[in-house]
N, C-alpha and C. Protein backbone atom coordinates (compact mmCIF):
# COMPACT_ATOMS: atom_id res chain seq x y z
N MET A 1 0.85 -1.20 0.00
CA MET A 1 0.00 0.00 0.00
C MET A 1 0.88 1.25 0.00
N ASP A 2 0.63 2.18 -0.92
CA ASP A 2 1.42 3.40 -0.97
C ASP A 2 0.85 4.40 0.03
N ASN A 3 1.42 5.61 0.00
CA ASN A 3 1.03 6.61 0.99
C ASN A 3 0.11 7.67 0.43
N ASP A 4 -0.56 7.40 -0.68
CA ASP A 4 -1.51 8.34 -1.24
C ASP A 4 -2.68 8.52 -0.28
N LEU A 5 -3.26 9.71 -0.32
CA LEU A 5 -4.43 9.97 0.51
C LEU A 5 -5.63 9.18 0.00
N ILE A 6 -6.51 8.85 0.93
CA ILE A 6 -7.77 8.18 0.60
C ILE A 6 -8.86 9.24 0.68
N LEU A 7 -9.35 9.68 -0.47
CA LEU A 7 -10.38 10.71 -0.52
C LEU A 7 -11.75 10.05 -0.62
N TYR A 8 -12.61 10.34 0.35
CA TYR A 8 -13.96 9.79 0.32
C TYR A 8 -14.96 10.94 0.27
N GLN A 9 -15.82 10.92 -0.73
CA GLN A 9 -16.78 11.99 -0.94
C GLN A 9 -18.20 11.52 -0.68
N PHE A 10 -18.91 12.29 0.14
CA PHE A 10 -20.32 12.02 0.41
C PHE A 10 -21.17 12.94 -0.47
N SER A 11 -22.16 12.38 -1.13
CA SER A 11 -23.05 13.20 -1.96
C SER A 11 -24.05 13.94 -1.10
N ARG A 12 -24.62 14.99 -1.65
CA ARG A 12 -25.61 15.78 -0.92
C ARG A 12 -26.81 14.92 -0.55
N SER A 13 -27.22 14.03 -1.45
CA SER A 13 -28.38 13.18 -1.15
C SER A 13 -28.08 12.26 0.03
N LYS A 14 -26.84 11.74 0.11
CA LYS A 14 -26.48 10.87 1.23
C LYS A 14 -26.44 11.68 2.54
N VAL A 15 -25.98 12.92 2.44
CA VAL A 15 -25.93 13.77 3.62
C VAL A 15 -27.35 14.03 4.13
N GLU A 16 -28.24 14.37 3.22
CA GLU A 16 -29.61 14.68 3.61
C GLU A 16 -30.32 13.45 4.18
N GLN A 17 -29.94 12.26 3.70
CA GLN A 17 -30.53 11.02 4.22
C GLN A 17 -29.77 10.49 5.43
N CYS A 18 -28.66 11.15 5.76
CA CYS A 18 -27.78 10.71 6.86
C CYS A 18 -27.35 9.26 6.63
N ASP A 19 -26.92 9.00 5.41
CA ASP A 19 -26.59 7.64 4.99
C ASP A 19 -25.09 7.53 4.70
N PHE A 20 -24.37 6.83 5.55
CA PHE A 20 -22.95 6.58 5.32
C PHE A 20 -22.68 5.07 5.32
N SER A 21 -23.70 4.31 4.97
CA SER A 21 -23.61 2.85 5.01
C SER A 21 -22.56 2.31 4.04
N HIS A 22 -22.41 2.95 2.87
CA HIS A 22 -21.41 2.47 1.92
C HIS A 22 -20.00 2.61 2.50
N PHE A 23 -19.74 3.73 3.16
CA PHE A 23 -18.42 3.90 3.78
C PHE A 23 -18.18 2.82 4.83
N LEU A 24 -19.16 2.55 5.67
CA LEU A 24 -18.99 1.54 6.71
C LEU A 24 -18.82 0.14 6.11
N SER A 25 -19.40 -0.09 4.93
CA SER A 25 -19.22 -1.39 4.28
C SER A 25 -17.78 -1.59 3.83
N LEU A 26 -17.05 -0.47 3.68
CA LEU A 26 -15.64 -0.55 3.27
C LEU A 26 -14.69 -0.43 4.45
N TYR A 27 -15.02 0.45 5.41
CA TYR A 27 -14.09 0.79 6.47
C TYR A 27 -14.68 0.68 7.87
N GLY A 28 -15.77 -0.04 8.03
CA GLY A 28 -16.32 -0.27 9.36
C GLY A 28 -15.32 -1.03 10.21
N PRO A 29 -15.47 -1.01 11.53
CA PRO A 29 -14.51 -1.69 12.41
C PRO A 29 -14.28 -3.16 12.04
N ASP A 30 -15.32 -3.83 11.57
CA ASP A 30 -15.17 -5.23 11.21
C ASP A 30 -14.49 -5.43 9.86
N LYS A 31 -14.27 -4.33 9.12
CA LYS A 31 -13.62 -4.43 7.82
C LYS A 31 -12.15 -4.00 7.86
N LEU A 32 -11.75 -3.35 8.92
CA LEU A 32 -10.41 -2.80 8.99
C LEU A 32 -9.37 -3.89 9.25
N PRO A 33 -8.17 -3.73 8.68
CA PRO A 33 -7.11 -4.71 8.91
C PRO A 33 -6.47 -4.51 10.28
N THR A 34 -5.39 -5.21 10.52
CA THR A 34 -4.64 -5.06 11.77
C THR A 34 -3.17 -4.89 11.42
N GLY A 35 -2.38 -4.62 12.44
CA GLY A 35 -0.93 -4.59 12.26
C GLY A 35 -0.45 -3.56 11.25
N ARG A 36 0.54 -3.95 10.44
CA ARG A 36 1.19 -3.03 9.51
C ARG A 36 0.22 -2.40 8.54
N ARG A 37 -0.73 -3.16 8.02
CA ARG A 37 -1.67 -2.60 7.05
C ARG A 37 -2.52 -1.49 7.66
N LEU A 38 -2.87 -1.64 8.93
CA LEU A 38 -3.64 -0.58 9.60
C LEU A 38 -2.75 0.62 9.89
N ARG A 39 -1.49 0.39 10.23
CA ARG A 39 -0.57 1.50 10.46
C ARG A 39 -0.42 2.35 9.19
N GLU A 40 -0.44 1.70 8.05
CA GLU A 40 -0.30 2.41 6.79
C GLU A 40 -1.51 3.29 6.46
N MET A 41 -2.63 3.04 7.14
CA MET A 41 -3.84 3.82 6.88
C MET A 41 -3.94 5.06 7.76
N MET A 42 -3.06 5.17 8.75
CA MET A 42 -3.10 6.35 9.63
C MET A 42 -2.79 7.61 8.83
N ASN A 43 -3.53 8.69 9.13
CA ASN A 43 -3.29 10.01 8.56
C ASN A 43 -3.54 10.08 7.05
N ARG A 44 -4.35 9.17 6.50
CA ARG A 44 -4.50 9.13 5.05
C ARG A 44 -5.90 9.50 4.56
N PHE A 45 -6.87 9.64 5.46
CA PHE A 45 -8.25 9.88 5.02
C PHE A 45 -8.56 11.37 4.93
N VAL A 46 -9.21 11.73 3.83
CA VAL A 46 -9.74 13.08 3.64
C VAL A 46 -11.20 12.94 3.22
N PHE A 47 -12.10 13.59 3.95
CA PHE A 47 -13.53 13.51 3.66
C PHE A 47 -14.01 14.82 3.05
N CYS A 48 -14.97 14.72 2.17
CA CYS A 48 -15.58 15.94 1.62
C CYS A 48 -17.03 15.66 1.26
N ILE A 49 -17.76 16.74 1.08
CA ILE A 49 -19.18 16.66 0.73
C ILE A 49 -19.40 17.44 -0.55
N GLU A 50 -20.07 16.84 -1.51
CA GLU A 50 -20.34 17.53 -2.77
C GLU A 50 -21.81 17.91 -2.85
N GLY A 51 -22.07 18.98 -3.61
CA GLY A 51 -23.44 19.41 -3.81
C GLY A 51 -23.79 20.71 -3.11
N TYR A 52 -22.81 21.31 -2.40
CA TYR A 52 -23.09 22.54 -1.66
C TYR A 52 -22.26 23.73 -2.17
N ASP A 53 -21.67 23.59 -3.34
CA ASP A 53 -20.79 24.65 -3.84
C ASP A 53 -21.52 25.98 -4.02
N SER A 54 -22.78 25.91 -4.40
CA SER A 54 -23.52 27.16 -4.64
C SER A 54 -24.23 27.68 -3.39
N ASP A 55 -24.09 26.95 -2.28
CA ASP A 55 -24.72 27.37 -1.03
C ASP A 55 -23.84 28.42 -0.36
N PRO A 56 -24.36 29.62 -0.08
CA PRO A 56 -23.52 30.67 0.51
C PRO A 56 -23.14 30.42 1.97
N ARG A 57 -23.80 29.50 2.62
CA ARG A 57 -23.52 29.24 4.03
C ARG A 57 -22.20 28.49 4.20
N GLU A 58 -21.55 28.71 5.33
CA GLU A 58 -20.39 27.91 5.68
C GLU A 58 -20.84 26.47 5.89
N ILE A 59 -20.05 25.52 5.41
CA ILE A 59 -20.47 24.12 5.39
C ILE A 59 -20.79 23.61 6.80
N HIS A 60 -20.04 24.10 7.81
CA HIS A 60 -20.26 23.61 9.18
C HIS A 60 -21.44 24.29 9.87
N SER A 61 -22.10 25.21 9.16
CA SER A 61 -23.28 25.86 9.74
C SER A 61 -24.58 25.35 9.12
N ILE A 62 -24.48 24.43 8.15
CA ILE A 62 -25.66 23.89 7.48
C ILE A 62 -26.24 22.76 8.35
N PRO A 63 -27.48 22.88 8.79
CA PRO A 63 -28.03 21.92 9.75
C PRO A 63 -27.91 20.46 9.33
N GLU A 64 -28.22 20.14 8.06
CA GLU A 64 -28.17 18.73 7.67
C GLU A 64 -26.74 18.20 7.62
N VAL A 65 -25.78 19.09 7.34
CA VAL A 65 -24.38 18.67 7.36
C VAL A 65 -23.93 18.42 8.80
N ARG A 66 -24.34 19.27 9.71
CA ARG A 66 -24.00 19.08 11.12
C ARG A 66 -24.61 17.77 11.65
N ARG A 67 -25.86 17.51 11.27
CA ARG A 67 -26.49 16.25 11.69
C ARG A 67 -25.75 15.06 11.11
N PHE A 68 -25.38 15.17 9.85
CA PHE A 68 -24.70 14.06 9.18
C PHE A 68 -23.37 13.73 9.85
N TYR A 69 -22.53 14.74 10.03
CA TYR A 69 -21.21 14.47 10.61
C TYR A 69 -21.31 14.05 12.07
N SER A 70 -22.29 14.56 12.80
CA SER A 70 -22.48 14.11 14.19
C SER A 70 -22.85 12.64 14.24
N ALA A 71 -23.75 12.22 13.35
CA ALA A 71 -24.15 10.81 13.29
C ALA A 71 -23.00 9.95 12.80
N PHE A 72 -22.26 10.44 11.80
CA PHE A 72 -21.12 9.70 11.27
C PHE A 72 -20.06 9.50 12.35
N HIS A 73 -19.85 10.54 13.16
CA HIS A 73 -18.87 10.45 14.23
C HIS A 73 -19.27 9.42 15.28
N GLU A 74 -20.56 9.36 15.58
CA GLU A 74 -21.03 8.36 16.55
C GLU A 74 -20.81 6.95 16.03
N ALA A 75 -21.01 6.76 14.73
CA ALA A 75 -20.88 5.43 14.14
C ALA A 75 -19.42 5.04 13.88
N TRP A 76 -18.57 6.04 13.63
CA TRP A 76 -17.17 5.78 13.26
C TRP A 76 -16.28 6.82 13.95
N PRO A 77 -16.00 6.63 15.24
CA PRO A 77 -15.31 7.67 16.03
C PRO A 77 -13.79 7.60 15.96
N TYR A 78 -13.25 7.26 14.80
CA TYR A 78 -11.81 7.05 14.67
C TYR A 78 -11.12 8.17 13.90
N TRP A 79 -11.73 9.35 13.89
CA TRP A 79 -11.22 10.44 13.09
C TRP A 79 -9.78 10.81 13.46
N LEU A 80 -9.45 10.84 14.75
CA LEU A 80 -8.13 11.28 15.17
C LEU A 80 -7.03 10.34 14.68
N TYR A 81 -7.38 9.11 14.40
CA TYR A 81 -6.40 8.14 13.88
C TYR A 81 -6.25 8.26 12.37
N PHE A 82 -7.39 8.31 11.67
CA PHE A 82 -7.35 8.18 10.21
C PHE A 82 -7.25 9.50 9.46
N CYS A 83 -7.80 10.59 9.98
CA CYS A 83 -7.87 11.83 9.22
C CYS A 83 -6.50 12.45 9.00
N ASN A 84 -6.30 12.99 7.82
CA ASN A 84 -5.04 13.62 7.48
C ASN A 84 -4.89 14.94 8.23
N LEU A 85 -3.74 15.11 8.88
CA LEU A 85 -3.49 16.30 9.70
C LEU A 85 -2.44 17.22 9.10
N ASP A 86 -2.09 17.00 7.86
CA ASP A 86 -1.03 17.81 7.25
C ASP A 86 -1.43 19.28 7.20
N MET A 87 -0.44 20.13 7.21
CA MET A 87 -0.67 21.57 7.22
C MET A 87 -1.51 21.99 6.01
N GLY A 88 -2.52 22.78 6.26
CA GLY A 88 -3.38 23.25 5.19
C GLY A 88 -4.61 22.40 4.97
N ASN A 89 -4.64 21.22 5.56
CA ASN A 89 -5.81 20.35 5.41
C ASN A 89 -6.77 20.62 6.57
N GLU A 90 -7.89 21.26 6.27
CA GLU A 90 -8.83 21.66 7.32
C GLU A 90 -10.02 20.72 7.42
N THR A 91 -9.92 19.54 6.81
CA THR A 91 -11.05 18.60 6.80
C THR A 91 -11.48 18.23 8.21
N LEU A 92 -10.54 17.77 9.02
CA LEU A 92 -10.89 17.34 10.38
C LEU A 92 -11.43 18.50 11.20
N SER A 93 -10.86 19.67 11.03
CA SER A 93 -11.34 20.85 11.76
C SER A 93 -12.80 21.14 11.42
N MET A 94 -13.14 21.08 10.14
CA MET A 94 -14.52 21.33 9.72
C MET A 94 -15.46 20.27 10.28
N MET A 95 -15.03 19.00 10.24
CA MET A 95 -15.87 17.92 10.77
C MET A 95 -16.07 18.08 12.27
N MET A 96 -15.01 18.49 12.96
CA MET A 96 -15.10 18.70 14.40
C MET A 96 -16.08 19.81 14.72
N LEU A 97 -16.04 20.91 13.94
CA LEU A 97 -16.95 22.02 14.17
C LEU A 97 -18.41 21.57 14.06
N CYS A 98 -18.67 20.63 13.17
CA CYS A 98 -20.04 20.13 13.01
C CYS A 98 -20.52 19.37 14.24
N CYS A 99 -19.58 18.88 15.03
CA CYS A 99 -19.94 18.06 16.19
C CYS A 99 -19.99 18.85 17.50
N LEU A 100 -19.46 20.06 17.50
CA LEU A 100 -19.49 20.87 18.72
C LEU A 100 -20.91 21.38 18.96
N PRO A 101 -21.30 21.49 20.23
CA PRO A 101 -22.69 21.89 20.52
C PRO A 101 -23.03 23.30 20.09
N SER A 102 -22.03 24.19 20.06
CA SER A 102 -22.32 25.58 19.73
C SER A 102 -21.11 26.24 19.10
N ILE A 103 -21.32 26.86 17.95
CA ILE A 103 -20.26 27.63 17.30
C ILE A 103 -20.84 28.98 16.86
N THR A 104 -19.98 29.97 16.74
CA THR A 104 -20.39 31.30 16.30
C THR A 104 -19.52 31.72 15.14
N ALA A 105 -20.16 32.17 14.06
CA ALA A 105 -19.43 32.64 12.88
C ALA A 105 -19.57 34.16 12.79
N MET A 106 -18.44 34.83 12.59
CA MET A 106 -18.45 36.29 12.49
C MET A 106 -17.69 36.72 11.24
N GLN A 107 -18.28 37.60 10.47
CA GLN A 107 -17.61 38.15 9.30
C GLN A 107 -16.66 39.27 9.74
N VAL A 108 -15.40 39.15 9.35
CA VAL A 108 -14.40 40.14 9.71
C VAL A 108 -14.18 41.06 8.51
N ASP A 109 -14.21 42.36 8.78
CA ASP A 109 -14.04 43.33 7.70
C ASP A 109 -12.73 43.11 6.95
N GLY A 110 -12.84 43.08 5.63
CA GLY A 110 -11.65 42.92 4.79
C GLY A 110 -11.17 41.51 4.65
N GLN A 111 -11.84 40.54 5.28
CA GLN A 111 -11.44 39.14 5.19
C GLN A 111 -12.49 38.35 4.42
N PRO A 112 -12.05 37.48 3.48
CA PRO A 112 -13.02 36.71 2.69
C PRO A 112 -13.71 35.62 3.49
N ASN A 113 -13.03 35.10 4.51
CA ASN A 113 -13.58 34.01 5.31
C ASN A 113 -14.12 34.52 6.64
N VAL A 114 -15.08 33.79 7.18
CA VAL A 114 -15.63 34.16 8.48
C VAL A 114 -14.75 33.61 9.59
N ALA A 115 -14.79 34.27 10.73
CA ALA A 115 -14.05 33.80 11.91
C ALA A 115 -14.99 32.94 12.75
N ILE A 116 -14.51 31.76 13.14
CA ILE A 116 -15.32 30.81 13.90
C ILE A 116 -14.84 30.81 15.35
N THR A 117 -15.76 30.95 16.27
CA THR A 117 -15.43 30.87 17.68
C THR A 117 -16.27 29.77 18.34
N TYR A 118 -15.70 29.16 19.36
CA TYR A 118 -16.39 28.11 20.11
C TYR A 118 -15.76 28.03 21.49
N ALA A 119 -16.43 27.35 22.38
CA ALA A 119 -15.91 27.21 23.74
C ALA A 119 -14.71 26.26 23.74
N PRO A 120 -13.55 26.69 24.21
CA PRO A 120 -12.38 25.81 24.23
C PRO A 120 -12.64 24.50 24.94
N LEU A 121 -13.47 24.52 25.98
CA LEU A 121 -13.77 23.30 26.71
C LEU A 121 -14.49 22.29 25.82
N ASP A 122 -15.33 22.78 24.90
CA ASP A 122 -16.02 21.87 23.98
C ASP A 122 -15.01 21.14 23.10
N LEU A 123 -13.99 21.85 22.63
CA LEU A 123 -12.95 21.21 21.81
C LEU A 123 -12.17 20.18 22.63
N LEU A 124 -11.80 20.55 23.86
CA LEU A 124 -11.05 19.62 24.71
C LEU A 124 -11.86 18.37 25.00
N ASN A 125 -13.15 18.52 25.22
CA ASN A 125 -14.00 17.36 25.48
C ASN A 125 -14.10 16.47 24.25
N PHE A 126 -14.17 17.10 23.08
CA PHE A 126 -14.21 16.33 21.83
C PHE A 126 -12.95 15.48 21.69
N ILE A 127 -11.79 16.10 21.89
CA ILE A 127 -10.53 15.38 21.75
C ILE A 127 -10.39 14.30 22.82
N LYS A 128 -10.73 14.66 24.05
CA LYS A 128 -10.63 13.69 25.15
C LYS A 128 -11.48 12.46 24.87
N ARG A 129 -12.70 12.68 24.40
CA ARG A 129 -13.60 11.56 24.11
C ARG A 129 -13.06 10.69 22.97
N ASP A 130 -12.42 11.32 21.99
CA ASP A 130 -11.96 10.58 20.82
C ASP A 130 -10.61 9.91 20.99
N PHE A 131 -9.91 10.22 22.08
CA PHE A 131 -8.63 9.55 22.29
C PHE A 131 -8.82 8.05 22.58
N LEU A 132 -9.93 7.69 23.19
CA LEU A 132 -10.16 6.28 23.48
C LEU A 132 -10.25 5.45 22.21
N PRO A 133 -11.12 5.80 21.24
CA PRO A 133 -11.13 5.02 20.00
C PRO A 133 -9.84 5.17 19.20
N MET A 134 -9.16 6.33 19.28
CA MET A 134 -7.88 6.46 18.59
C MET A 134 -6.86 5.48 19.15
N ASN A 135 -6.79 5.40 20.48
CA ASN A 135 -5.85 4.47 21.10
C ASN A 135 -6.21 3.02 20.81
N ALA A 136 -7.51 2.73 20.67
CA ALA A 136 -7.92 1.37 20.31
C ALA A 136 -7.39 1.01 18.92
N MET A 137 -7.42 1.97 17.98
CA MET A 137 -6.87 1.72 16.66
C MET A 137 -5.34 1.56 16.72
N CYS A 138 -4.68 2.36 17.56
CA CYS A 138 -3.24 2.25 17.71
C CYS A 138 -2.84 0.87 18.23
N GLU A 139 -3.60 0.36 19.19
CA GLU A 139 -3.32 -0.97 19.73
C GLU A 139 -3.59 -2.04 18.67
N ARG A 140 -4.65 -1.86 17.93
CA ARG A 140 -4.98 -2.82 16.86
C ARG A 140 -3.90 -2.81 15.78
N ALA A 141 -3.30 -1.65 15.56
CA ALA A 141 -2.22 -1.52 14.58
C ALA A 141 -0.87 -1.97 15.14
N GLU A 142 -0.86 -2.39 16.41
CA GLU A 142 0.35 -2.89 17.07
C GLU A 142 1.46 -1.83 17.07
N MET A 143 1.06 -0.59 17.36
CA MET A 143 2.02 0.50 17.39
C MET A 143 2.78 0.54 18.71
N PHE A 144 4.01 0.97 18.63
CA PHE A 144 4.80 1.15 19.84
C PHE A 144 4.45 2.50 20.48
N GLU A 145 4.88 2.68 21.72
CA GLU A 145 4.53 3.88 22.47
C GLU A 145 4.95 5.15 21.75
N ARG A 146 6.09 5.11 21.07
CA ARG A 146 6.57 6.32 20.40
C ARG A 146 5.62 6.74 19.28
N GLY A 147 5.11 5.76 18.54
CA GLY A 147 4.18 6.08 17.48
C GLY A 147 2.88 6.68 18.01
N ILE A 148 2.40 6.15 19.12
CA ILE A 148 1.18 6.69 19.74
C ILE A 148 1.44 8.10 20.27
N TYR A 149 2.60 8.29 20.86
CA TYR A 149 2.98 9.63 21.35
C TYR A 149 3.01 10.63 20.21
N ASP A 150 3.64 10.25 19.09
CA ASP A 150 3.78 11.17 17.96
C ASP A 150 2.41 11.52 17.38
N ARG A 151 1.50 10.55 17.32
CA ARG A 151 0.18 10.85 16.79
C ARG A 151 -0.59 11.78 17.73
N SER A 152 -0.49 11.51 19.02
CA SER A 152 -1.17 12.36 20.01
C SER A 152 -0.65 13.79 19.92
N LYS A 153 0.65 13.94 19.78
CA LYS A 153 1.26 15.26 19.66
C LYS A 153 0.78 15.96 18.39
N ALA A 154 0.68 15.21 17.30
CA ALA A 154 0.22 15.79 16.03
C ALA A 154 -1.22 16.28 16.13
N VAL A 155 -2.07 15.54 16.86
CA VAL A 155 -3.46 15.95 17.04
C VAL A 155 -3.54 17.27 17.81
N PHE A 156 -2.80 17.37 18.90
CA PHE A 156 -2.82 18.60 19.69
C PHE A 156 -2.30 19.78 18.88
N GLU A 157 -1.23 19.57 18.13
CA GLU A 157 -0.66 20.65 17.33
C GLU A 157 -1.62 21.06 16.21
N TYR A 158 -2.33 20.11 15.64
CA TYR A 158 -3.29 20.40 14.57
C TYR A 158 -4.36 21.38 15.06
N PHE A 159 -4.80 21.18 16.30
CA PHE A 159 -5.84 22.03 16.86
C PHE A 159 -5.27 23.24 17.61
N GLY A 160 -3.96 23.43 17.52
CA GLY A 160 -3.35 24.60 18.16
C GLY A 160 -3.32 24.52 19.67
N LEU A 161 -3.22 23.32 20.21
CA LEU A 161 -3.21 23.13 21.66
C LEU A 161 -1.82 22.75 22.14
N PRO A 162 -1.43 23.15 23.36
CA PRO A 162 -0.12 22.77 23.89
C PRO A 162 -0.07 21.28 24.21
N PHE A 163 1.10 20.70 24.02
CA PHE A 163 1.29 19.28 24.32
C PHE A 163 2.59 19.15 25.10
N ASP A 164 2.47 18.90 26.40
CA ASP A 164 3.63 18.93 27.30
C ASP A 164 4.10 17.56 27.75
N ALA A 165 3.49 16.49 27.24
CA ALA A 165 3.86 15.15 27.69
C ALA A 165 5.29 14.82 27.27
N GLU A 166 6.00 14.12 28.13
CA GLU A 166 7.35 13.68 27.81
C GLU A 166 7.31 12.49 26.87
N PRO A 167 8.21 12.46 25.87
CA PRO A 167 8.23 11.30 24.96
C PRO A 167 8.66 10.04 25.69
N PRO A 168 8.20 8.89 25.23
CA PRO A 168 8.59 7.64 25.87
C PRO A 168 10.04 7.30 25.56
N ALA A 169 10.57 6.35 26.29
CA ALA A 169 11.94 5.90 26.05
C ALA A 169 12.03 5.28 24.66
N PRO A 170 13.22 5.30 24.04
CA PRO A 170 13.37 4.69 22.71
C PRO A 170 12.90 3.25 22.70
N ALA A 171 12.32 2.85 21.58
CA ALA A 171 11.76 1.50 21.47
C ALA A 171 12.81 0.44 21.73
N SER A 172 14.06 0.71 21.34
CA SER A 172 15.10 -0.30 21.48
C SER A 172 15.36 -0.65 22.93
N SER A 173 15.04 0.29 23.86
CA SER A 173 15.28 0.02 25.28
C SER A 173 14.03 -0.48 25.98
N THR A 174 12.92 -0.59 25.26
CA THR A 174 11.68 -1.02 25.90
C THR A 174 11.09 -2.26 25.25
N LEU A 175 11.82 -2.88 24.31
CA LEU A 175 11.29 -4.09 23.69
C LEU A 175 11.14 -5.17 24.74
N PRO A 176 10.01 -5.84 24.78
CA PRO A 176 9.81 -6.89 25.77
C PRO A 176 10.71 -8.08 25.49
N HIS A 177 11.26 -8.64 26.58
CA HIS A 177 12.05 -9.86 26.45
C HIS A 177 11.12 -11.06 26.47
N PRO A 178 11.35 -12.04 25.58
CA PRO A 178 10.46 -13.20 25.56
C PRO A 178 10.54 -13.98 26.86
N THR A 179 9.42 -14.36 27.35
CA THR A 179 9.37 -15.18 28.55
C THR A 179 9.62 -16.63 28.18
N PRO A 180 10.02 -17.45 29.15
CA PRO A 180 10.26 -18.86 28.84
C PRO A 180 9.06 -19.49 28.15
N GLY A 181 9.35 -20.21 27.09
CA GLY A 181 8.27 -20.87 26.35
C GLY A 181 7.80 -20.09 25.15
N GLN A 182 8.17 -18.79 25.08
CA GLN A 182 7.81 -17.97 23.93
C GLN A 182 8.95 -17.97 22.92
N PRO A 183 8.64 -17.92 21.62
CA PRO A 183 9.70 -17.90 20.60
C PRO A 183 10.47 -16.59 20.66
N LYS A 184 11.79 -16.67 20.44
CA LYS A 184 12.61 -15.47 20.42
C LYS A 184 12.52 -14.82 19.04
N ILE A 185 12.89 -13.55 18.98
CA ILE A 185 12.88 -12.82 17.71
C ILE A 185 14.14 -13.17 16.94
N GLY A 186 13.99 -13.72 15.75
CA GLY A 186 15.15 -14.05 14.92
C GLY A 186 15.74 -12.79 14.31
N ARG A 187 17.04 -12.81 14.05
CA ARG A 187 17.70 -11.61 13.53
C ARG A 187 17.22 -11.24 12.13
N ASN A 188 16.68 -12.21 11.41
CA ASN A 188 16.16 -11.94 10.07
C ASN A 188 14.65 -11.75 10.05
N ASP A 189 14.03 -11.79 11.25
CA ASP A 189 12.58 -11.58 11.34
C ASP A 189 12.29 -10.07 11.24
N PRO A 190 11.04 -9.73 10.84
CA PRO A 190 10.66 -8.31 10.85
C PRO A 190 10.77 -7.75 12.26
N CYS A 191 11.29 -6.53 12.38
CA CYS A 191 11.44 -5.91 13.69
C CYS A 191 10.07 -5.63 14.30
N PRO A 192 9.85 -6.01 15.56
CA PRO A 192 8.54 -5.79 16.20
C PRO A 192 8.20 -4.32 16.43
N CYS A 193 9.13 -3.40 16.16
CA CYS A 193 8.82 -1.98 16.36
C CYS A 193 7.95 -1.44 15.23
N GLY A 194 7.79 -2.24 14.17
CA GLY A 194 6.92 -1.81 13.09
C GLY A 194 7.61 -1.00 12.01
N SER A 195 8.94 -0.94 12.03
CA SER A 195 9.66 -0.13 11.04
C SER A 195 9.63 -0.74 9.65
N GLY A 196 9.39 -2.06 9.58
CA GLY A 196 9.42 -2.75 8.30
C GLY A 196 10.80 -3.32 7.98
N LYS A 197 11.81 -2.98 8.80
CA LYS A 197 13.17 -3.50 8.59
C LYS A 197 13.34 -4.84 9.30
N LYS A 198 14.42 -5.55 8.92
CA LYS A 198 14.75 -6.77 9.65
C LYS A 198 15.23 -6.39 11.05
N TYR A 199 15.01 -7.29 12.01
CA TYR A 199 15.36 -7.01 13.40
C TYR A 199 16.84 -6.69 13.55
N LYS A 200 17.70 -7.40 12.78
CA LYS A 200 19.14 -7.20 12.93
C LYS A 200 19.58 -5.84 12.42
N LYS A 201 18.77 -5.22 11.54
CA LYS A 201 19.14 -3.92 10.99
C LYS A 201 18.36 -2.78 11.66
N CYS A 202 17.62 -3.10 12.72
CA CYS A 202 16.84 -2.08 13.40
C CYS A 202 17.11 -2.12 14.90
N CYS A 203 16.16 -2.59 15.68
CA CYS A 203 16.33 -2.58 17.14
C CYS A 203 17.32 -3.63 17.62
N GLY A 204 17.65 -4.63 16.78
CA GLY A 204 18.60 -5.66 17.16
C GLY A 204 20.01 -5.37 16.68
N LYS A 205 20.20 -4.15 16.17
CA LYS A 205 21.52 -3.78 15.64
C LYS A 205 22.53 -3.69 16.78
N GLY A 206 23.72 -4.13 16.52
CA GLY A 206 24.78 -4.00 17.52
C GLY A 206 25.19 -5.32 18.09
C-alpha cells in the first residue's frame, strides 16, 4: 500500500438522508485490517461533501451537514487516527466544528472568510472523548509507544493546543524480552517496532 491519501466523498443526497452505510461497508470496524496494514492507513483519510458549492452558508453551519457528521462520528469515532493532519488540510477541523454543541461565525471586515469561535472546553471534550477510540486503533495496529505519542502530539498541534507530555523511552530500550516458552525474535525476522526492517538492521543492531 502506498502513501496516497484516501479521498472519500459524500453526496448531498447521502448527507440529507444521513446515509454513510457504503463507507462503513468498506471501512467499518469489522472491515479494517490489523498490524502493519492498519498503520499504513493512519493520517491518510480526507472527507468531503459535494453538492453545496452554490450554497452561501459555511459548510459547518448547514443543519443537515451538522447532523450528518455528528451521526457519522457516533458510528465511526476514529477520526483522530485516520484523518489527514497535514498543514493546510482543514477537513478534520470542519468535521469537528459540526460536532461541537455551539459555534459562532463572524464576518471580519476585509477578510473573505468568516471567523469561527467556540468554547475551548467543547474542543477539549471532543478530543478527550476521541482519544479512546484512537488508542484502540493504535493498539490494533500494534504501534509502539513512540508512534502513539507522535500521533497524540500531532493531534494537539493540529488544533493549536499545547502538548507537554514527555516522549517515551526509545523502542530499542523497551522491547519486551520473551518469557520462557515464547519464541525469540530471529535476527532476520521483521522488527517488532513496526519499522518494516529486519530485526538485525533495526532494534537488534549492535
